[in-house]
Amino acid sequence: MLFKILFCCDLIIGMTSNLLVELKLLGLNPISYQPTENKKPIIDFGFGLKKISSLCNISNNKVKKIKFKYHFKALDKILKIIN
């Protein structure tokens, strides 16, 4: 189920997950986001997996910025509805 959802994505960004390597081997192009002070990746997975140290390195046409308000105490509200 997870892979079906990920195949529909335009852009997949993770950090240091093995799922990124699996997706690369399946023919997708995930990005490993590894923010560090010296801009060197923490882990080099190989397999041609693209690594970035800043989200500014992603072209703006690929990323949609979503603005929304956080719903604080959402779990408490849901539990009140259930009970």
PDB file of N, CA and C in Angstrom:
ATOM      1  N   MET A   1       0.820  -1.190   0.000  1.00  0.00           N
ATOM      2  CA  MET A   1       0.000   0.000   0.000  1.00  0.00           C
ATOM      3  C   MET A   1       0.871   1.264   0.000  1.00  0.00           C
ATOM      4  N   LEU A   2       1.912   1.255   0.821  1.00  0.00           N
ATOM      5  CA  LEU A   2       2.790   2.420   0.912  1.00  0.00           C
ATOM      6  C   LEU A   2       3.446   2.712  -0.438  1.00  0.00           C
ATOM      7  N   PHE A   3       3.921   1.670  -1.114  1.00  0.00           N
ATOM      8  CA  PHE A   3       4.594   1.880  -2.392  1.00  0.00           C
ATOM      9  C   PHE A   3       3.635   2.419  -3.447  1.00  0.00           C
ATOM     10  N   LYS A   4       2.361   1.989  -3.398  1.00  0.00           N
ATOM     11  CA  LYS A   4       1.370   2.506  -4.341  1.00  0.00           C
ATOM     12  C   LYS A   4       1.192   4.007  -4.159  1.00  0.00           C
ATOM     13  N   ILE A   5       1.182   4.446  -2.906  1.00  0.00           N
ATOM     14  CA  ILE A   5       1.034   5.875  -2.614  1.00  0.00           C
ATOM     15  C   ILE A   5       2.278   6.639  -3.079  1.00  0.00           C
ATOM     16  N   LEU A   6       3.447   6.097  -2.791  1.00  0.00           N
ATOM     17  CA  LEU A   6       4.689   6.789  -3.136  1.00  0.00           C
ATOM     18  C   LEU A   6       4.907   6.885  -4.641  1.00  0.00           C
ATOM     19  N   PHE A   7       4.399   5.924  -5.406  1.00  0.00           N
ATOM     20  CA  PHE A   7       4.541   5.997  -6.862  1.00  0.00           C
ATOM     21  C   PHE A   7       3.703   7.126  -7.450  1.00  0.00           C
ATOM     22  N   CYS A   8       2.748   7.642  -6.700  1.00  0.00           N
ATOM     23  CA  CYS A   8       1.914   8.758  -7.170  1.00  0.00           C
ATOM     24  C   CYS A   8       2.528  10.113  -6.842  1.00  0.00           C
ATOM     25  N   CYS A   9       3.578  10.145  -6.039  1.00  0.00           N
ATOM     26  CA  CYS A   9       4.172  11.404  -5.584  1.00  0.00           C
ATOM     27  C   CYS A   9       5.056  12.032  -6.664  1.00  0.00           C
ATOM     28  N   ASP A  10       5.020  13.354  -6.720  1.00  0.00           N
ATOM     29  CA  ASP A  10       5.919  14.080  -7.616  1.00  0.00           C
ATOM     30  C   ASP A  10       7.315  14.217  -7.025  1.00  0.00           C
ATOM     31  N   LEU A  11       7.392  14.269  -5.691  1.00  0.00           N
ATOM     32  CA  LEU A  11       8.665  14.478  -5.016  1.00  0.00           C
ATOM     33  C   LEU A  11       8.641  13.750  -3.684  1.00  0.00           C
ATOM     34  N   ILE A  12       9.686  13.011  -3.384  1.00  0.00           N
ATOM     35  CA  ILE A  12       9.794  12.286  -2.124  1.00  0.00           C
ATOM     36  C   ILE A  12      11.070  12.738  -1.434  1.00  0.00           C
ATOM     37  N   ILE A  13      10.925  13.266  -0.221  1.00  0.00           N
ATOM     38  CA  ILE A  13      12.078  13.722   0.554  1.00  0.00           C
ATOM     39  C   ILE A  13      12.071  12.983   1.883  1.00  0.00           C
ATOM     40  N   GLY A  14      13.205  12.408   2.228  1.00  0.00           N
ATOM     41  CA  GLY A  14      13.373  11.746   3.512  1.00  0.00           C
ATOM     42  C   GLY A  14      14.702  12.169   4.099  1.00  0.00           C
ATOM     43  N   MET A  15      15.097  11.528   5.162  1.00  0.00           N
ATOM     44  CA  MET A  15      16.385  11.876   5.754  1.00  0.00           C
ATOM     45  C   MET A  15      17.371  10.729   5.555  1.00  0.00           C
ATOM     46  N   THR A  16      17.323   9.728   6.418  1.00  0.00           N
ATOM     47  CA  THR A  16      18.293   8.638   6.324  1.00  0.00           C
ATOM     48  C   THR A  16      17.593   7.283   6.382  1.00  0.00           C
ATOM     49  N   SER A  17      16.479   7.167   5.704  1.00  0.00           N
ATOM     50  CA  SER A  17      15.686   5.948   5.731  1.00  0.00           C
ATOM     51  C   SER A  17      16.109   4.972   4.638  1.00  0.00           C
ATOM     52  N   ASN A  18      16.081   3.692   4.956  1.00  0.00           N
ATOM     53  CA  ASN A  18      16.341   2.675   3.937  1.00  0.00           C
ATOM     54  C   ASN A  18      15.259   2.693   2.867  1.00  0.00           C
ATOM     55  N   LEU A  19      14.097   3.218   3.194  1.00  0.00           N
ATOM     56  CA  LEU A  19      13.024   3.328   2.215  1.00  0.00           C
ATOM     57  C   LEU A  19      13.462   4.173   1.018  1.00  0.00           C
ATOM     58  N   LEU A  20      14.299   5.178   1.255  1.00  0.00           N
ATOM     59  CA  LEU A  20      14.811   5.998   0.155  1.00  0.00           C
ATOM     60  C   LEU A  20      15.615   5.152  -0.832  1.00  0.00           C
ATOM     61  N   VAL A  21      16.424   4.243  -0.309  1.00  0.00           N
ATOM     62  CA  VAL A  21      17.221   3.364  -1.173  1.00  0.00           C
ATOM     63  C   VAL A  21      16.295   2.426  -1.937  1.00  0.00           C
ATOM     64  N   GLU A  22      15.291   1.869  -1.256  1.00  0.00           N
ATOM     65  CA  GLU A  22      14.350   0.971  -1.924  1.00  0.00           C
ATOM     66  C   GLU A  22      13.622   1.690  -3.056  1.00  0.00           C
ATOM     67  N   LEU A  23      13.206   2.924  -2.807  1.00  0.00           N
ATOM     68  CA  LEU A  23      12.504   3.688  -3.832  1.00  0.00           C
ATOM     69  C   LEU A  23      13.415   3.989  -5.020  1.00  0.00           C
ATOM     70  N   LYS A  24      14.682   4.271  -4.751  1.00  0.00           N
ATOM     71  CA  LYS A  24      15.639   4.522  -5.827  1.00  0.00           C
ATOM     72  C   LYS A  24      15.825   3.267  -6.676  1.00  0.00           C
ATOM     73  N   LEU A  25      15.921   2.115  -6.016  1.00  0.00           N
ATOM     74  CA  LEU A  25      16.084   0.854  -6.735  1.00  0.00           C
ATOM     75  C   LEU A  25      14.841   0.498  -7.553  1.00  0.00           C
ATOM     76  N   LEU A  26      13.676   1.009  -7.140  1.00  0.00           N
ATOM     77  CA  LEU A  26      12.433   0.772  -7.886  1.00  0.00           C
ATOM     78  C   LEU A  26      12.248   1.761  -9.030  1.00  0.00           C
ATOM     79  N   GLY A  27      13.201   2.694  -9.187  1.00  0.00           N
ATOM     80  CA  GLY A  27      13.150   3.601 -10.320  1.00  0.00           C
ATOM     81  C   GLY A  27      12.652   5.000 -10.001  1.00  0.00           C
ATOM     82  N   LEU A  28      12.342   5.279  -8.744  1.00  0.00           N
ATOM     83  CA  LEU A  28      11.934   6.633  -8.363  1.00  0.00           C
ATOM     84  C   LEU A  28      13.178   7.459  -8.042  1.00  0.00           C
ATOM     85  N   ASN A  29      13.013   8.752  -7.854  1.00  0.00           N
ATOM     86  CA  ASN A  29      14.151   9.629  -7.550  1.00  0.00           C
ATOM     87  C   ASN A  29      13.932  10.377  -6.239  1.00  0.00           C
ATOM     88  N   PRO A  30      13.991   9.667  -5.113  1.00  0.00           N
ATOM     89  CA  PRO A  30      13.832  10.341  -3.827  1.00  0.00           C
ATOM     90  C   PRO A  30      15.052  11.196  -3.505  1.00  0.00           C
ATOM     91  N   ILE A  31      14.871  12.116  -2.579  1.00  0.00           N
ATOM     92  CA  ILE A  31      15.955  13.006  -2.146  1.00  0.00           C
ATOM     93  C   ILE A  31      16.207  12.780  -0.662  1.00  0.00           C
ATOM     94  N   SER A  32      17.466  12.662  -0.284  1.00  0.00           N
ATOM     95  CA  SER A  32      17.847  12.520   1.112  1.00  0.00           C
ATOM     96  C   SER A  32      18.234  13.894   1.655  1.00  0.00           C
ATOM     97  N   TYR A  33      17.417  14.416   2.557  1.00  0.00           N
ATOM     98  CA  TYR A  33      17.667  15.717   3.175  1.00  0.00           C
ATOM     99  C   TYR A  33      18.480  15.485   4.440  1.00  0.00           C
ATOM    100  N   GLN A  34      19.734  15.943   4.428  1.00  0.00           N
ATOM    101  CA  GLN A  34      20.640  15.749   5.561  1.00  0.00           C
ATOM    102  C   GLN A  34      21.263  17.082   5.960  1.00  0.00           C
ATOM    103  N   PRO A  35      20.565  17.861   6.780  1.00  0.00           N
ATOM    104  CA  PRO A  35      21.103  19.169   7.176  1.00  0.00           C
ATOM    105  C   PRO A  35      22.278  19.025   8.156  1.00  0.00           C
ATOM    106  N   THR A  36      23.411  19.541   7.778  1.00  0.00           N
ATOM    107  CA  THR A  36      24.592  19.532   8.652  1.00  0.00           C
ATOM    108  C   THR A  36      25.288  20.880   8.539  1.00  0.00           C
ATOM    109  N   GLU A  37      26.103  21.179   9.530  1.00  0.00           N
ATOM    110  CA  GLU A  37      26.816  22.462   9.524  1.00  0.00           C
ATOM    111  C   GLU A  37      27.866  22.532   8.422  1.00  0.00           C
ATOM    112  N   ASN A  38      28.545  21.412   8.153  1.00  0.00           N
ATOM    113  CA  ASN A  38      29.619  21.432   7.148  1.00  0.00           C
ATOM    114  C   ASN A  38      29.111  21.063   5.745  1.00  0.00           C
ATOM    115  N   LYS A  39      27.804  20.898   5.591  1.00  0.00           N
ATOM    116  CA  LYS A  39      27.161  20.593   4.301  1.00  0.00           C
ATOM    117  C   LYS A  39      27.628  19.285   3.684  1.00  0.00           C
ATOM    118  N   LYS A  40      28.213  18.404   4.500  1.00  0.00           N
ATOM    119  CA  LYS A  40      28.569  17.071   4.026  1.00  0.00           C
ATOM    120  C   LYS A  40      27.501  16.097   4.529  1.00  0.00           C
ATOM    121  N   PRO A  41      27.114  15.123   3.701  1.00  0.00           N
ATOM    122  CA  PRO A  41      26.057  14.203   4.129  1.00  0.00           C
ATOM    123  C   PRO A  41      26.482  13.344   5.309  1.00  0.00           C
ATOM    124  N   ILE A  42      25.529  13.001   6.139  1.00  0.00           N
ATOM    125  CA  ILE A  42      25.780  12.127   7.281  1.00  0.00           C
ATOM    126  C   ILE A  42      26.031  10.705   6.787  1.00  0.00           C
ATOM    127  N   ILE A  43      25.187  10.258   5.870  1.00  0.00           N
ATOM    128  CA  ILE A  43      25.267   8.908   5.324  1.00  0.00           C
ATOM    129  C   ILE A  43      25.276   8.996   3.806  1.00  0.00           C
ATOM    130  N   ASP A  44      26.197   8.279   3.183  1.00  0.00           N
ATOM    131  CA  ASP A  44      26.198   8.184   1.728  1.00  0.00           C
ATOM    132  C   ASP A  44      25.646   6.816   1.366  1.00  0.00           C
ATOM    133  N   PHE A  45      24.410   6.782   0.886  1.00  0.00           N
ATOM    134  CA  PHE A  45      23.750   5.529   0.570  1.00  0.00           C
ATOM    135  C   PHE A  45      24.286   4.890  -0.705  1.00  0.00           C
ATOM    136  N   GLY A  46      24.872   5.693  -1.581  1.00  0.00           N
ATOM    137  CA  GLY A  46      25.260   5.169  -2.883  1.00  0.00           C
ATOM    138  C   GLY A  46      24.028   5.094  -3.785  1.00  0.00           C
ATOM    139  N   PHE A  47      24.056   4.242  -4.756  1.00  0.00           N
ATOM    140  CA  PHE A  47      22.934   4.006  -5.678  1.00  0.00           C
ATOM    141  C   PHE A  47      22.502   5.262  -6.421  1.00  0.00           C
ATOM    142  N   GLY A  48      23.301   6.327  -6.401  1.00  0.00           N
ATOM    143  CA  GLY A  48      22.935   7.558  -7.091  1.00  0.00           C
ATOM    144  C   GLY A  48      21.846   8.343  -6.383  1.00  0.00           C
ATOM    145  N   LEU A  49      21.636   8.077  -5.098  1.00  0.00           N
ATOM    146  CA  LEU A  49      20.610   8.784  -4.328  1.00  0.00           C
ATOM    147  C   LEU A  49      21.054  10.223  -4.101  1.00  0.00           C
ATOM    148  N   LYS A  50      20.242  11.170  -4.536  1.00  0.00           N
ATOM    149  CA  LYS A  50      20.589  12.588  -4.412  1.00  0.00           C
ATOM    150  C   LYS A  50      20.511  13.024  -2.955  1.00  0.00           C
ATOM    151  N   LYS A  51      21.549  13.749  -2.504  1.00  0.00           N
ATOM    152  CA  LYS A  51      21.607  14.253  -1.131  1.00  0.00           C
ATOM    153  C   LYS A  51      21.638  15.770  -1.158  1.00  0.00           C
ATOM    154  N   ILE A  52      20.884  16.393  -0.267  1.00  0.00           N
ATOM    155  CA  ILE A  52      20.912  17.848  -0.142  1.00  0.00           C
ATOM    156  C   ILE A  52      21.072  18.214   1.323  1.00  0.00           C
ATOM    157  N   SER A  53      21.657  19.382   1.586  1.00  0.00           N
ATOM    158  CA  SER A  53      21.839  19.831   2.972  1.00  0.00           C
ATOM    159  C   SER A  53      20.944  21.022   3.297  1.00  0.00           C
ATOM    160  N   SER A  54      20.241  21.528   2.294  1.00  0.00           N
ATOM    161  CA  SER A  54      19.350  22.665   2.502  1.00  0.00           C
ATOM    162  C   SER A  54      18.141  22.507   1.593  1.00  0.00           C
ATOM    163  N   LEU A  55      16.974  22.852   2.099  1.00  0.00           N
ATOM    164  CA  LEU A  55      15.771  22.767   1.282  1.00  0.00           C
ATOM    165  C   LEU A  55      15.765  23.826   0.195  1.00  0.00           C
ATOM    166  N   CYS A  56      16.673  24.790   0.270  1.00  0.00           N
ATOM    167  CA  CYS A  56      16.795  25.806  -0.776  1.00  0.00           C
ATOM    168  C   CYS A  56      17.348  25.193  -2.061  1.00  0.00           C
ATOM    169  N   ASN A  57      17.953  24.005  -1.947  1.00  0.00           N
ATOM    170  CA  ASN A  57      18.523  23.340  -3.118  1.00  0.00           C
ATOM    171  C   ASN A  57      17.473  22.696  -4.009  1.00  0.00           C
ATOM    172  N   ILE A  58      16.225  22.741  -3.600  1.00  0.00           N
ATOM    173  CA  ILE A  58      15.146  22.155  -4.391  1.00  0.00           C
ATOM    174  C   ILE A  58      14.497  23.276  -5.176  1.00  0.00           C
ATOM    175  N   SER A  59      14.314  23.060  -6.463  1.00  0.00           N
ATOM    176  CA  SER A  59      13.709  24.119  -7.276  1.00  0.00           C
ATOM    177  C   SER A  59      12.283  24.387  -6.812  1.00  0.00           C
ATOM    178  N   ASN A  60      11.896  25.645  -6.825  1.00  0.00           N
ATOM    179  CA  ASN A  60      10.599  26.066  -6.308  1.00  0.00           C
ATOM    180  C   ASN A  60       9.419  25.460  -7.050  1.00  0.00           C
ATOM    181  N   ASN A  61       9.601  25.083  -8.303  1.00  0.00           N
ATOM    182  CA  ASN A  61       8.470  24.531  -9.038  1.00  0.00           C
ATOM    183  C   ASN A  61       8.147  23.103  -8.628  1.00  0.00           C
ATOM    184  N   LYS A  62       9.015  22.459  -7.879  1.00  0.00           N
ATOM    185  CA  LYS A  62       8.750  21.093  -7.440  1.00  0.00           C
ATOM    186  C   LYS A  62       8.130  21.022  -6.052  1.00  0.00           C
ATOM    187  N   VAL A  63       8.209  22.090  -5.285  1.00  0.00           N
ATOM    188  CA  VAL A  63       7.746  22.060  -3.906  1.00  0.00           C
ATOM    189  C   VAL A  63       6.588  23.028  -3.721  1.00  0.00           C
ATOM    190  N   LYS A  64       5.520  22.517  -3.172  1.00  0.00           N
ATOM    191  CA  LYS A  64       4.389  23.373  -2.847  1.00  0.00           C
ATOM    192  C   LYS A  64       4.469  23.705  -1.363  1.00  0.00           C
ATOM    193  N   LYS A  65       4.457  24.967  -1.050  1.00  0.00           N
ATOM    194  CA  LYS A  65       4.474  25.377   0.350  1.00  0.00           C
ATOM    195  C   LYS A  65       3.034  25.460   0.833  1.00  0.00           C
ATOM    196  N   ILE A  66       2.765  24.790   1.921  1.00  0.00           N
ATOM    197  CA  ILE A  66       1.412  24.741   2.463  1.00  0.00           C
ATOM    198  C   ILE A  66       1.390  25.525   3.760  1.00  0.00           C
ATOM    199  N   LYS A  67       0.478  26.460   3.848  1.00  0.00           N
ATOM    200  CA  LYS A  67       0.305  27.223   5.081  1.00  0.00           C
ATOM    201  C   LYS A  67      -0.966  26.728   5.761  1.00  0.00           C
ATOM    202  N   PHE A  68      -0.847  26.379   7.017  1.00  0.00           N
ATOM    203  CA  PHE A  68      -2.017  25.959   7.772  1.00  0.00           C
ATOM    204  C   PHE A  68      -1.764  26.246   9.238  1.00  0.00           C
ATOM    205  N   LYS A  69      -2.852  26.282   9.982  1.00  0.00           N
ATOM    206  CA  LYS A  69      -2.745  26.502  11.422  1.00  0.00           C
ATOM    207  C   LYS A  69      -2.697  25.156  12.121  1.00  0.00           C
ATOM    208  N   TYR A  70      -1.856  25.058  13.135  1.00  0.00           N
ATOM    209  CA  TYR A  70      -1.784  23.834  13.905  1.00  0.00           C
ATOM    210  C   TYR A  70      -2.981  23.757  14.836  1.00  0.00           C
ATOM    211  N   HIS A  71      -3.491  22.566  14.988  1.00  0.00           N
ATOM    212  CA  HIS A  71      -4.629  22.350  15.888  1.00  0.00           C
ATOM    213  C   HIS A  71      -4.079  21.763  17.183  1.00  0.00           C
ATOM    214  N   PHE A  72      -3.873  22.642  18.146  1.00  0.00           N
ATOM    215  CA  PHE A  72      -3.337  22.198  19.418  1.00  0.00           C
ATOM    216  C   PHE A  72      -4.382  21.398  20.174  1.00  0.00           C
ATOM    217  N   LYS A  73      -3.927  20.434  20.919  1.00  0.00           N
ATOM    218  CA  LYS A  73      -4.765  19.549  21.719  1.00  0.00           C
ATOM    219  C   LYS A  73      -5.768  18.781  20.865  1.00  0.00           C
ATOM    220  N   ALA A  74      -5.389  18.463  19.639  1.00  0.00           N
ATOM    221  CA  ALA A  74      -6.285  17.730  18.742  1.00  0.00           C
ATOM    222  C   ALA A  74      -6.629  16.359  19.312  1.00  0.00           C
ATOM    223  N   LEU A  75      -5.654  15.670  19.918  1.00  0.00           N
ATOM    224  CA  LEU A  75      -5.913  14.351  20.484  1.00  0.00           C
ATOM    225  C   LEU A  75      -6.948  14.430  21.587  1.00  0.00           C
ATOM    226  N   ASP A  76      -6.844  15.430  22.463  1.00  0.00           N
ATOM    227  CA  ASP A  76      -7.823  15.600  23.540  1.00  0.00           C
ATOM    228  C   ASP A  76      -9.226  15.795  22.984  1.00  0.00           C
ATOM    229  N   LYS A  77      -9.335  16.580  21.922  1.00  0.00           N
ATOM    230  CA  LYS A  77     -10.649  16.827  21.320  1.00  0.00           C
ATOM    231  C   LYS A  77     -11.228  15.562  20.707  1.00  0.00           C
ATOM    232  N   ILE A  78     -10.386  14.770  20.065  1.00  0.00           N
ATOM    233  CA  ILE A  78     -10.859  13.514  19.469  1.00  0.00           C
ATOM    234  C   ILE A  78     -11.304  12.531  20.545  1.00  0.00           C
ATOM    235  N   LEU A  79     -10.549  12.451  21.623  1.00  0.00           N
ATOM    236  CA  LEU A  79     -10.920  11.543  22.717  1.00  0.00           C
ATOM    237  C   LEU A  79     -12.247  11.949  23.353  1.00  0.00           C
ATOM    238  N   LYS A  80     -12.525  13.246  23.456  1.00  0.00           N
ATOM    239  CA  LYS A  80     -13.798  13.706  23.985  1.00  0.00           C
ATOM    240  C   LYS A  80     -14.953  13.283  23.086  1.00  0.00           C
ATOM    241  N   ILE A  81     -14.735  13.342  21.783  1.00  0.00           N
ATOM    242  CA  ILE A  81     -15.777  12.941  20.825  1.00  0.00           C
ATOM    243  C   ILE A  81     -16.034  11.429  20.941  1.00  0.00           C
ATOM    244  N   ILE A  82     -14.988  10.649  21.056  1.00  0.00           N
ATOM    245  CA  ILE A  82     -15.129   9.182  21.133  1.00  0.00           C
ATOM    246  C   ILE A  82     -15.824   8.767  22.413  1.00  0.00           C
ATOM    247  N   ASN A  83     -15.431   9.395  23.503  1.00  0.00           N
ATOM    248  CA  ASN A  83     -16.014   9.000  24.797  1.00  0.00           C
ATOM    249  C   ASN A  83     -17.375   9.612  24.910  1.00  0.00           C
TER     250      ASN A  83
END
